[in-house]
Amino acid sequence: MPHLPQRLDDDLKVAAKARDALRLAVIRGLKSAIQYKEIELGGPLDDAGVLQVVGTLIKQRRDAAEQFQRGNRPELAAREEEELGVLQGYLPAQLTAPELAELVTAAIAEAGATGPRDMGAVMKLLKPRVAGRAEGKAVSEAVQAKLSGRA
């Protein structure tokens, strides 16, 4: 499987040839966001860095769709959802709830965490392990539930 930047270039060409305006716009926006991040960091991003950018854009699309729904603009919310679908295609397979719970349990044991105060140490261990495969919010909720004895 090619690295993400190469895959984006290939997908951009395919979308342009197919005249798929939505896909083309999303990929161009993603490539632009990646370039901004590279400029900010002063060097090229690896696949993990690209996945972080994809995750950020996904979160933005979700928030925008939610705002449009609340603002009674379903057509704009639908557009955000379509863009969200394109972006999610660049993420690796997402973790299932049992897989996430297993990783959380292992990280808690490794960190020697005993309660909610130790959440930061557990999250520090977990983040690289779940990068791109689970949303930060879901991970933190799973860790909180486990550390507070609710799971």
Foldseek 3Di string as FASTA:
>chain_A
DDWPVVVLVVQLVVCVVVVVVLLNVLSVVLVVLQVVVCVVVVHHDGSLSSLVSLLVLLVVLVVVLVVCVVVVNNVSSVSSVVSSVSSLVSFDAADDPVRLLVLLVVLCVVQVAQAPVCLVSSCVVCCVVCRRRDDPVVNSVSNNCVRHVND
